[in-house]
Protein backbone atom coordinates (compact mmCIF):
# COMPACT_ATOMS: atom_id res chain seq x y z
CA MET A 1 -4.58 -54.89 -52.30
CA ASN A 2 -3.95 -55.93 -48.88
CA GLU A 3 -5.66 -53.62 -46.45
CA ILE A 4 -2.98 -51.95 -43.73
CA LEU A 5 -4.76 -52.37 -40.23
CA ILE A 6 -3.75 -49.54 -37.75
CA ALA A 7 -3.82 -50.19 -34.38
CA ARG A 8 -6.08 -47.98 -32.13
CA VAL A 9 -4.20 -45.60 -29.68
CA ASP A 10 -5.91 -45.32 -26.48
CA ARG A 11 -5.61 -41.44 -25.81
CA ARG A 12 -7.48 -41.46 -22.41
CA HIS A 13 -5.32 -43.32 -20.59
CA ARG A 14 -2.53 -41.48 -18.55
CA GLY A 15 -0.82 -44.92 -17.32
CA GLU A 16 -0.90 -46.54 -14.31
CA HIS A 17 -0.42 -43.73 -11.50
CA SER A 18 -3.62 -42.40 -10.15
CA THR A 19 -5.16 -39.03 -11.49
CA ALA A 20 -7.28 -38.72 -8.48
CA CYS A 21 -7.06 -35.34 -6.42
CA LYS A 22 -4.45 -35.77 -3.47
CA CYS A 23 -6.56 -33.37 -1.62
CA PRO A 24 -10.03 -33.19 -2.41
CA SER A 25 -11.16 -31.61 0.88
CA PRO A 26 -8.44 -28.94 2.14
CA VAL A 27 -9.23 -27.04 5.30
CA TYR A 28 -7.77 -23.72 6.80
CA ILE A 29 -7.72 -23.38 10.56
CA ARG A 30 -6.64 -19.98 11.76
CA PRO A 31 -3.76 -20.62 14.57
CA GLY A 32 -4.73 -20.08 17.81
CA HIS A 33 -1.61 -17.71 18.40
CA PHE A 34 -2.69 -15.11 15.87
CA LYS A 35 -4.03 -11.82 16.78
CA PRO A 36 -7.63 -11.38 16.68
CA LEU A 37 -8.54 -9.36 13.65
CA SER A 38 -10.61 -6.41 14.32
CA ARG A 39 -14.01 -4.59 13.25
CA GLU A 40 -15.26 -5.43 9.67
CA HIS A 41 -12.07 -7.40 8.94
CA GLY A 42 -12.67 -9.81 11.80
CA ARG A 43 -16.44 -9.70 10.95
CA ALA A 44 -15.56 -11.15 7.39
CA LEU A 45 -13.52 -13.91 8.96
CA ARG A 46 -16.20 -14.86 11.60
CA ASN A 47 -18.76 -14.81 8.84
CA LEU A 48 -16.80 -17.62 6.95
CA MET A 49 -15.67 -19.58 9.77
CA ASN A 50 -16.71 -19.97 13.45
CA ARG A 51 -16.48 -22.57 16.18
CA ASN A 52 -19.04 -25.10 16.61
CA LYS A 53 -19.96 -24.80 20.69
CA SER A 54 -20.82 -28.44 21.36
CA THR A 55 -17.67 -29.87 19.95
CA GLY A 56 -15.20 -27.20 19.75
CA GLU A 57 -14.24 -27.58 16.18
CA TRP A 58 -13.82 -24.99 13.48
CA VAL A 59 -16.58 -25.31 10.80
CA LEU A 60 -17.22 -23.37 7.73
CA ARG A 61 -19.97 -20.78 8.40
CA ARG A 62 -20.55 -19.56 4.81
CA ARG A 63 -19.63 -21.05 1.66
CA VAL A 64 -18.16 -18.68 -0.88
CA SER A 65 -18.54 -21.21 -3.70
CA ALA A 66 -22.16 -21.40 -3.07
CA ASP A 67 -23.01 -17.62 -3.98
CA PRO A 68 -25.28 -17.02 -6.63
CA LEU A 69 -22.35 -14.67 -8.42
CA PHE A 70 -20.70 -17.92 -9.80
CA VAL A 71 -23.94 -18.56 -11.46
CA PHE A 72 -24.46 -15.32 -12.59
CA LEU A 73 -20.99 -14.80 -14.09
CA ARG A 74 -20.44 -18.24 -15.46
CA ALA A 75 -20.97 -17.01 -19.20
CA VAL A 76 -18.90 -14.26 -18.64
CA ALA A 77 -16.02 -15.87 -17.40
CA GLY A 78 -15.94 -18.58 -20.17
CA ARG A 79 -17.46 -21.50 -18.50
CA ARG A 80 -20.20 -23.80 -19.49
CA ARG A 81 -20.79 -25.79 -16.13
CA ALA A 82 -20.11 -25.45 -12.23
CA PHE A 83 -17.07 -26.01 -10.71
CA ARG A 84 -16.52 -29.71 -9.36
CA SER A 85 -16.93 -30.54 -5.84
CA GLU A 86 -13.05 -30.73 -4.93
CA ARG A 87 -12.75 -27.19 -6.71
CA ARG A 88 -15.48 -25.86 -4.41
CA GLN A 89 -14.12 -27.26 -1.51
CA LEU A 90 -10.56 -25.48 -2.40
CA LEU A 91 -12.23 -22.25 -2.89
CA ASP A 92 -14.09 -22.01 0.33
CA ALA A 93 -10.58 -22.99 2.01
CA LEU A 94 -8.77 -20.72 0.01
CA PHE A 95 -10.89 -17.72 0.69
CA VAL A 96 -10.85 -18.23 4.59
CA LEU A 97 -7.07 -18.00 3.97
CA PHE A 98 -7.27 -14.94 1.80
CA ILE A 99 -9.10 -13.11 4.46
CA ASN A 100 -6.76 -14.30 7.16
CA ARG A 101 -3.52 -13.17 5.31
CA VAL A 102 -4.99 -9.85 3.45
CA ASP A 103 -3.34 -6.52 4.41
CA LEU A 104 -6.81 -4.32 4.89
CA ALA A 105 -5.26 -0.82 3.60
CA THR A 106 -4.30 -2.46 0.27
CA SER A 107 -6.20 -5.87 -0.12
CA ILE A 108 -2.85 -7.77 -1.00
CA VAL A 109 -2.89 -10.98 0.11
CA THR A 110 0.47 -10.94 1.99
CA ILE A 111 1.96 -14.35 0.78
CA ASN A 112 2.64 -15.86 -2.06
CA ILE A 113 1.00 -18.62 -4.18
CA SER A 114 3.45 -21.38 -2.97
CA ARG A 115 2.96 -20.17 0.73
CA LEU A 116 -0.99 -20.28 0.06
CA ALA A 117 -0.82 -24.01 -1.37
CA ALA A 118 1.26 -24.96 1.92
CA GLU A 119 -0.78 -23.49 4.33
CA LEU A 120 -3.87 -25.58 2.66
CA SER A 121 -1.90 -28.78 2.76
CA PRO A 122 -2.44 -31.26 5.94
CA ARG A 123 0.60 -31.73 8.34
CA ASP A 124 1.84 -34.65 10.78
CA ALA A 125 2.18 -34.55 14.12
CA ASP A 126 5.50 -32.75 13.87
CA GLY A 127 4.09 -29.94 11.88
CA ASN A 128 5.65 -31.40 8.63
CA LEU A 129 3.82 -31.06 5.53
CA ILE A 130 2.61 -34.24 3.98
CA PRO A 131 3.46 -34.59 0.53
CA GLU A 132 1.31 -37.37 -0.55
CA GLN A 133 -1.65 -35.31 0.51
CA ALA A 134 -0.41 -31.88 -0.53
CA VAL A 135 -2.27 -29.13 -2.24
CA SER A 136 -0.20 -28.49 -5.26
CA THR A 137 0.60 -24.88 -6.44
CA SER A 138 -0.47 -25.57 -9.52
CA ARG A 139 -4.01 -26.41 -8.23
CA VAL A 140 -4.00 -23.06 -6.45
CA SER A 141 -2.71 -20.99 -9.25
CA ARG A 142 -5.30 -22.78 -11.90
CA LEU A 143 -8.24 -21.52 -9.30
CA ILE A 144 -6.89 -17.88 -8.86
CA ALA A 145 -6.72 -17.39 -12.61
CA GLU A 146 -10.62 -18.79 -12.67
CA LEU A 147 -11.52 -16.19 -9.66
CA GLU A 148 -9.73 -13.54 -12.04
CA ARG A 149 -12.03 -14.23 -14.73
CA PHE A 150 -15.16 -13.69 -12.27
CA GLY A 151 -13.58 -10.70 -11.36
CA ILE A 152 -13.16 -11.57 -7.49
CA VAL A 153 -9.32 -11.46 -7.47
CA GLU A 154 -6.69 -9.55 -9.38
CA CYS A 155 -3.07 -10.96 -10.45
CA PRO A 156 -0.91 -7.99 -11.26
CA ARG A 157 1.63 -9.11 -14.21
CA ASN A 158 4.46 -11.56 -12.87
CA GLU A 159 8.00 -10.17 -13.05
CA TRP A 160 11.04 -11.76 -14.19
CA ASP A 161 14.22 -12.01 -11.95
CA ALA A 162 17.18 -11.49 -14.32
CA ALA A 163 19.63 -11.81 -11.81
CA ASN A 164 18.28 -15.27 -10.24
CA GLY A 165 16.73 -16.56 -13.57
CA CYS A 166 13.28 -16.96 -12.31
CA ARG A 167 10.43 -15.18 -11.34
CA PHE A 168 9.43 -12.98 -8.49
CA PRO A 169 6.51 -14.58 -5.98
CA LYS A 170 3.26 -13.92 -7.30
CA HIS A 171 0.36 -12.35 -4.95
CA VAL A 172 -3.01 -11.68 -5.20
CA ILE A 173 -5.60 -8.67 -4.52
CA ILE A 174 -8.97 -9.18 -3.47
CA THR A 175 -11.48 -6.76 -5.11
CA GLU A 176 -14.45 -5.09 -3.90
CA THR A 177 -16.50 -8.10 -5.59
CA GLY A 178 -14.21 -10.34 -3.54
CA TRP A 179 -14.91 -8.76 -0.13
CA GLN A 180 -18.58 -9.00 -0.97
CA LEU A 181 -18.68 -12.25 -0.79
CA THR A 182 -17.88 -12.49 2.98
CA GLY A 183 -21.08 -10.67 3.79
CA VAL A 184 -19.33 -7.51 5.39
CA ASN A 185 -20.67 -4.16 5.57
CA MET A 186 -18.79 -2.21 2.46
CA ASP A 187 -19.35 1.06 3.46
CA LYS A 188 -17.76 0.39 6.88
CA LEU A 189 -15.00 -1.66 5.17
CA ARG A 190 -14.42 1.47 2.94
CA ALA A 191 -14.07 3.50 5.74
CA GLU A 192 -11.86 1.40 7.53
CA GLN A 193 -9.46 0.96 4.50
CA ALA A 194 -9.41 4.79 3.96
CA GLU A 195 -8.00 4.98 7.70
CA ARG A 196 -5.58 2.36 7.61
CA LEU A 197 -4.22 3.85 4.36
CA GLN A 198 -3.97 7.59 5.75
CA ALA A 199 -2.11 5.59 8.99
CA ILE A 200 0.44 3.85 6.94
CA GLN A 201 3.85 4.95 8.29
CA ASP A 202 6.65 2.73 5.75
CA GLY A 203 9.42 5.54 5.98
CA GLN A 204 8.70 6.70 2.45
CA LEU A 205 5.98 9.46 3.01
CA MET A 206 6.65 12.89 3.23
CA PRO A 207 5.02 15.22 5.81
CA GLY A 208 1.57 16.27 4.72
CA GLU A 209 1.69 13.59 1.81
CA VAL A 210 -1.69 11.62 1.19
CA ILE A 211 -1.10 8.22 -0.19
CA SER A 212 -3.39 6.69 -2.87
CA LEU A 213 -4.36 2.97 -3.16
CA ARG A 214 -2.60 2.55 -5.98
CA LEU A 215 0.63 3.86 -4.77
CA ALA A 216 0.34 1.98 -1.58
CA ARG A 217 0.44 -1.19 -3.50
CA ARG A 218 3.44 -0.17 -5.80
CA ARG A 219 5.26 0.55 -2.83
CA TRP A 220 4.35 -2.56 -0.97
CA TYR A 221 5.22 -4.48 -4.25
CA GLU A 222 8.54 -2.95 -4.37
CA ARG A 223 9.46 -3.58 -0.84
CA CYS A 224 8.32 -7.16 -1.18
CA ARG A 225 10.55 -7.46 -4.41
CA GLN A 226 13.79 -5.87 -2.58
CA GLN A 227 13.32 -8.34 -0.08
CA THR A 228 13.20 -11.09 -2.33
CA LEU A 229 16.38 -10.24 -3.98
CA LEU A 230 18.10 -9.60 -0.90
CA SER A 231 16.99 -13.03 0.48
CA ARG A 232 17.92 -15.02 -2.77
CA ARG A 233 21.04 -13.14 -3.21
CA THR A 234 21.92 -13.93 0.78
CA ARG A 235 21.09 -17.67 0.16
CA VAL A 236 23.64 -17.64 -2.91
CA LEU A 237 26.62 -16.30 -1.03
CA GLU A 238 26.15 -18.44 2.15
CA GLY A 239 26.03 -21.46 -0.15
CA LYS A 240 29.13 -20.36 -1.86
CA MET A 241 30.87 -19.52 1.56
CA ARG A 242 29.63 -22.66 2.83
CA SER A 243 31.01 -24.80 0.30
CA ARG A 244 34.30 -23.23 0.66
CA LEU A 245 34.39 -23.37 4.57
CA THR A 246 33.47 -26.82 4.57
CA GLN A 247 36.77 -28.05 3.34
CA LEU A 248 38.84 -26.18 6.34
CA PRO A 249 39.45 -27.24 9.97
CA PHE A 250 36.51 -26.04 12.32
CA ASP A 251 39.04 -23.32 14.11
CA GLU A 252 39.60 -21.70 10.47
CA ARG A 253 36.13 -22.20 9.76
CA LYS A 254 35.04 -20.14 12.83
CA ARG A 255 37.65 -17.39 12.57
CA GLN A 256 36.49 -16.80 8.82
CA VAL A 257 33.06 -16.49 9.78
CA ALA A 258 34.39 -14.14 12.68
CA GLU A 259 35.87 -11.81 9.96
CA GLN A 260 33.09 -12.06 7.91
CA LEU A 261 30.54 -10.68 10.79
CA TRP A 262 33.20 -8.08 11.75
CA ARG A 263 33.33 -6.74 8.59
CA SER A 264 29.30 -6.72 8.16
CA LEU A 265 29.04 -5.39 11.55
CA GLN A 266 30.68 -1.92 9.89
CA GLY A 267 31.47 -0.10 13.30
CA HIS A 268 28.44 -1.24 15.37
CA SER A 269 30.54 -3.70 16.88
CA SER A 270 31.28 -1.47 19.97
CA GLN A 271 27.82 -1.60 20.90
CA MET A 272 28.34 -5.45 21.79
CA THR A 273 30.62 -7.63 24.30
CA PRO A 274 32.60 -10.16 23.45
CA HIS A 275 30.51 -12.88 24.67
CA GLN A 276 27.94 -11.11 22.10
CA PHE A 277 30.09 -11.25 19.08
CA GLU A 278 30.80 -15.08 20.06
CA LYS A 279 27.28 -15.92 20.26
CA LEU A 280 26.78 -14.20 16.85
CA VAL A 281 29.66 -16.10 15.51
CA TRP A 282 28.40 -19.55 16.70
CA SER A 283 24.68 -18.75 15.35
CA GLN A 284 26.09 -18.00 12.18
CA LEU A 285 28.03 -21.36 11.95
CA TYR A 286 24.68 -23.13 13.11
CA GLN A 287 22.57 -21.61 10.39
CA MET A 288 25.19 -22.35 7.76
CA GLN A 289 25.34 -26.06 9.16
CA LEU A 290 29.09 -25.61 9.60
CA VAL A 291 29.25 -27.14 13.16
CA ASP A 292 28.69 -30.77 12.37
CA LEU A 293 32.33 -31.43 12.11
CA ALA A 294 33.51 -29.64 15.31
CA PRO A 295 35.94 -31.54 17.24
CA PRO A 296 35.09 -32.99 20.53
CA GLY A 297 34.59 -30.92 23.53
CA THR A 298 33.92 -27.73 21.66
CA VAL A 299 31.07 -26.15 23.22
CA PRO A 300 28.80 -22.92 22.13
CA PRO A 301 28.85 -19.85 24.69
CA HIS A 302 25.59 -19.93 26.79
């Protein structure tokens, strides 16, 4: 009987594209116009990063990825090996961004995972993100899932937005273990968090009410959820209105935008002058990109 030869399939080869990390050494530099952080919160950031006095450049002062905690809890987290160098460098830069963007009262990192990846990605001279060198959202998401197994961060369950057919933005909470990695005095930090928590004035507190950390986080997420819904619905409505108005002459576009704004003001138009209302109409036209086909000589008010 003739033997049938079966060709071997190379399952290790992923194709002709490169599988190398696009941004192996991400760095986060806090913008100079940001307000300096105070007390233990500021100390946590300064422990992680400081400015080299001789060169003037920002350098990492404390590498979180080198903490012995990642060795001690490796088996508990379900790992057999240490992090690769690319993941360690991403962790160091990500933690600086965490501390810069965290709300001290609730320990919630106030920007979602997509924004975290964008903040860590390099940009060109005009401030635009470079796609070929960008840190991917999935890479940050996988690292955060790993940190959650180490007990450094918490990720509340991601909710589904049934109205828009997608999920709400995912945020991260830094645990006490995560704060300890920054080398701050935890007693002082807890006292500052309690002061912030007591001083929260978000319009939902009753006189004499004492708000808990869990309730503050729940209210923060609910506010964020409502803002996300409003932003998404506004974009959908503006897109529909823009596609309808694009077919009309410019004067008719301007008239219909003015009518829409007049209805949305709901009686507050008495506090505006005609010039202010006209500037508002033009601002809406620019926002919806409806000024491109304006007739020659049409000049917005100054």
